[in-house]
Amino acid sequence: METAINLFRAEESVIGTAKKYGLAYATLYRHVKSGVASPQLGRFRPVLTEDQETELVNYLKDMDTVFFSLTRDEFMSLAFDYAHYNKLQYPESWNKNKKAGED
């Protein structure tokens, strides 16, 4: 998206740039108008950083190699415990269910 915005600023048309990068015209126009390519994922906000996610994934893989696999629900509970222990901000539904959400 950043590349497309920069190309537009270099005197390329919005429609031409959108076609070149396979973007919707309206989406590119909105980002050009605001001046920022938002990296957000819609209404969802990540709870863990990429490093924290990698740490959990590596733990899951390590447990799998010693034949101690976790079910999906167990891993969601582990993710909740990890976020709670590290005092991260997470959705209120996690407290209610004592596990991370589906996503």
C-alpha atoms as a PDB file:
ATOM      1  CA  MET A   1       0.000   0.000   0.000  1.00  0.00           C
ATOM      2  CA  GLU A   2       2.841   2.380   0.861  1.00  0.00           C
ATOM      3  CA  THR A   3       4.439   1.700  -2.523  1.00  0.00           C
ATOM      4  CA  ALA A   4       1.169   2.388  -4.301  1.00  0.00           C
ATOM      5  CA  ILE A   5       0.701   5.668  -2.420  1.00  0.00           C
ATOM      6  CA  ASN A   6       4.243   6.732  -3.287  1.00  0.00           C
ATOM      7  CA  LEU A   7       3.713   5.845  -6.943  1.00  0.00           C
ATOM      8  CA  PHE A   8       0.560   7.947  -6.994  1.00  0.00           C
ATOM      9  CA  ARG A   9       2.459  10.858  -5.491  1.00  0.00           C
ATOM     10  CA  ALA A  10       4.996  10.491  -8.314  1.00  0.00           C
ATOM     11  CA  GLU A  11       2.342  11.719 -10.778  1.00  0.00           C
ATOM     12  CA  GLU A  12       0.709   8.356 -11.513  1.00  0.00           C
ATOM     13  CA  SER A  13      -3.100   8.341 -11.586  1.00  0.00           C
ATOM     14  CA  VAL A  14      -5.034   6.695  -8.770  1.00  0.00           C
ATOM     15  CA  ILE A  15      -6.857   4.425 -11.201  1.00  0.00           C
ATOM     16  CA  GLY A  16      -3.640   3.411 -12.973  1.00  0.00           C
ATOM     17  CA  THR A  17      -1.862   2.755  -9.694  1.00  0.00           C
ATOM     18  CA  ALA A  18      -4.808   0.757  -8.346  1.00  0.00           C
ATOM     19  CA  LYS A  19      -4.851  -1.437 -11.452  1.00  0.00           C
ATOM     20  CA  LYS A  20      -1.084  -1.918 -11.354  1.00  0.00           C
ATOM     21  CA  TYR A  21      -1.143  -3.183  -7.754  1.00  0.00           C
ATOM     22  CA  GLY A  22      -4.486  -4.977  -7.915  1.00  0.00           C
ATOM     23  CA  LEU A  23      -6.122  -2.670  -5.391  1.00  0.00           C
ATOM     24  CA  ALA A  24      -9.632  -1.316  -5.328  1.00  0.00           C
ATOM     25  CA  TYR A  25      -9.718   2.271  -6.568  1.00  0.00           C
ATOM     26  CA  ALA A  26     -11.772   3.439  -3.579  1.00  0.00           C
ATOM     27  CA  THR A  27      -9.394   1.820  -1.089  1.00  0.00           C
ATOM     28  CA  LEU A  28      -6.321   3.416  -2.628  1.00  0.00           C
ATOM     29  CA  TYR A  29      -8.080   6.776  -2.907  1.00  0.00           C
ATOM     30  CA  ARG A  30      -9.069   6.641   0.773  1.00  0.00           C
ATOM     31  CA  HIS A  31      -5.487   5.903   1.834  1.00  0.00           C
ATOM     32  CA  VAL A  32      -4.062   8.592  -0.444  1.00  0.00           C
ATOM     33  CA  LYS A  33      -6.574  11.100   0.891  1.00  0.00           C
ATOM     34  CA  SER A  34      -5.737  10.308   4.525  1.00  0.00           C
ATOM     35  CA  GLY A  35      -2.024  10.105   3.743  1.00  0.00           C
ATOM     36  CA  VAL A  36      -1.527   6.931   5.774  1.00  0.00           C
ATOM     37  CA  ALA A  37      -1.665   3.252   4.899  1.00  0.00           C
ATOM     38  CA  SER A  38      -3.236   1.803   8.014  1.00  0.00           C
ATOM     39  CA  PRO A  39      -1.771  -1.566   9.092  1.00  0.00           C
ATOM     40  CA  GLN A  40      -4.801  -2.328  11.280  1.00  0.00           C
ATOM     41  CA  LEU A  41      -6.779  -5.508  10.888  1.00  0.00           C
ATOM     42  CA  GLY A  42     -10.265  -4.065  10.814  1.00  0.00           C
ATOM     43  CA  ARG A  43     -11.829  -3.851  14.251  1.00  0.00           C
ATOM     44  CA  PHE A  44      -9.472  -6.427  15.744  1.00  0.00           C
ATOM     45  CA  ARG A  45      -6.364  -5.380  17.637  1.00  0.00           C
ATOM     46  CA  PRO A  46      -3.477  -7.764  18.270  1.00  0.00           C
ATOM     47  CA  VAL A  47      -2.931  -8.719  21.900  1.00  0.00           C
ATOM     48  CA  LEU A  48       0.519 -10.240  21.478  1.00  0.00           C
ATOM     49  CA  THR A  49       3.519  -8.806  19.693  1.00  0.00           C
ATOM     50  CA  GLU A  50       5.083 -10.838  16.899  1.00  0.00           C
ATOM     51  CA  ASP A  51       7.889 -11.894  19.253  1.00  0.00           C
ATOM     52  CA  GLN A  52       5.397 -13.102  21.839  1.00  0.00           C
ATOM     53  CA  GLU A  53       3.465 -15.025  19.199  1.00  0.00           C
ATOM     54  CA  THR A  54       6.696 -16.613  17.996  1.00  0.00           C
ATOM     55  CA  GLU A  55       7.556 -17.579  21.566  1.00  0.00           C
ATOM     56  CA  LEU A  56       4.190 -19.320  22.001  1.00  0.00           C
ATOM     57  CA  VAL A  57       4.462 -21.065  18.634  1.00  0.00           C
ATOM     58  CA  ASN A  58       7.955 -22.310  19.461  1.00  0.00           C
ATOM     59  CA  TYR A  59       6.695 -23.587  22.818  1.00  0.00           C
ATOM     60  CA  LEU A  60       3.859 -25.401  21.073  1.00  0.00           C
ATOM     61  CA  LYS A  61       6.283 -26.989  18.604  1.00  0.00           C
ATOM     62  CA  ASP A  62       8.671 -27.988  21.397  1.00  0.00           C
ATOM     63  CA  MET A  63       5.857 -29.655  23.315  1.00  0.00           C
ATOM     64  CA  ASP A  64       4.778 -31.451  20.158  1.00  0.00           C
ATOM     65  CA  THR A  65       8.275 -32.856  19.591  1.00  0.00           C
ATOM     66  CA  VAL A  66       8.209 -34.484  23.038  1.00  0.00           C
ATOM     67  CA  PHE A  67       4.746 -35.918  22.326  1.00  0.00           C
ATOM     68  CA  PHE A  68       2.915 -33.517  24.619  1.00  0.00           C
ATOM     69  CA  SER A  69       0.600 -31.919  22.112  1.00  0.00           C
ATOM     70  CA  LEU A  70      -1.991 -29.391  23.194  1.00  0.00           C
ATOM     71  CA  THR A  71      -5.553 -29.298  21.966  1.00  0.00           C
ATOM     72  CA  ARG A  72      -6.933 -26.095  20.527  1.00  0.00           C
ATOM     73  CA  ASP A  73      -8.768 -25.286  23.773  1.00  0.00           C
ATOM     74  CA  GLU A  74      -5.661 -25.981  25.851  1.00  0.00           C
ATOM     75  CA  PHE A  75      -3.614 -23.685  23.640  1.00  0.00           C
ATOM     76  CA  MET A  76      -6.254 -20.949  23.877  1.00  0.00           C
ATOM     77  CA  SER A  77      -6.099 -21.282  27.666  1.00  0.00           C
ATOM     78  CA  LEU A  78      -2.308 -21.122  27.505  1.00  0.00           C
ATOM     79  CA  ALA A  79      -2.491 -17.938  25.415  1.00  0.00           C
ATOM     80  CA  PHE A  80      -4.848 -16.411  27.996  1.00  0.00           C
ATOM     81  CA  ASP A  81      -2.522 -17.390  30.858  1.00  0.00           C
ATOM     82  CA  TYR A  82       0.443 -15.937  28.965  1.00  0.00           C
ATOM     83  CA  ALA A  83      -1.347 -12.629  28.352  1.00  0.00           C
ATOM     84  CA  HIS A  84      -2.633 -12.475  31.929  1.00  0.00           C
ATOM     85  CA  TYR A  85       0.771 -13.274  33.451  1.00  0.00           C
ATOM     86  CA  ASN A  86       2.478 -10.625  31.298  1.00  0.00           C
ATOM     87  CA  LYS A  87      -0.224  -8.078  32.170  1.00  0.00           C
ATOM     88  CA  LEU A  88      -1.161  -7.462  28.538  1.00  0.00           C
ATOM     89  CA  GLN A  89      -4.377  -5.759  27.503  1.00  0.00           C
ATOM     90  CA  TYR A  90      -6.836  -8.286  26.140  1.00  0.00           C
ATOM     91  CA  PRO A  91     -10.589  -8.394  25.496  1.00  0.00           C
ATOM     92  CA  GLU A  92     -12.906  -8.742  28.473  1.00  0.00           C
ATOM     93  CA  SER A  93     -14.321 -11.945  26.985  1.00  0.00           C
ATOM     94  CA  TRP A  94     -10.982 -13.624  27.712  1.00  0.00           C
ATOM     95  CA  ASN A  95     -11.526 -13.088  31.446  1.00  0.00           C
ATOM     96  CA  LYS A  96     -15.040 -14.446  31.198  1.00  0.00           C
ATOM     97  CA  ASN A  97     -13.996 -17.605  29.315  1.00  0.00           C
ATOM     98  CA  LYS A  98     -10.519 -17.928  30.866  1.00  0.00           C
ATOM     99  CA  LYS A  99      -9.100 -18.514  27.398  1.00  0.00           C
ATOM    100  CA  ALA A 100      -8.167 -16.567  24.279  1.00  0.00           C
ATOM    101  CA  GLY A 101     -10.678 -15.960  21.518  1.00  0.00           C
ATOM    102  CA  GLU A 102     -11.069 -17.934  18.307  1.00  0.00           C
ATOM    103  CA  ASP A 103      -8.904 -15.612  16.239  1.00  0.00           C
END
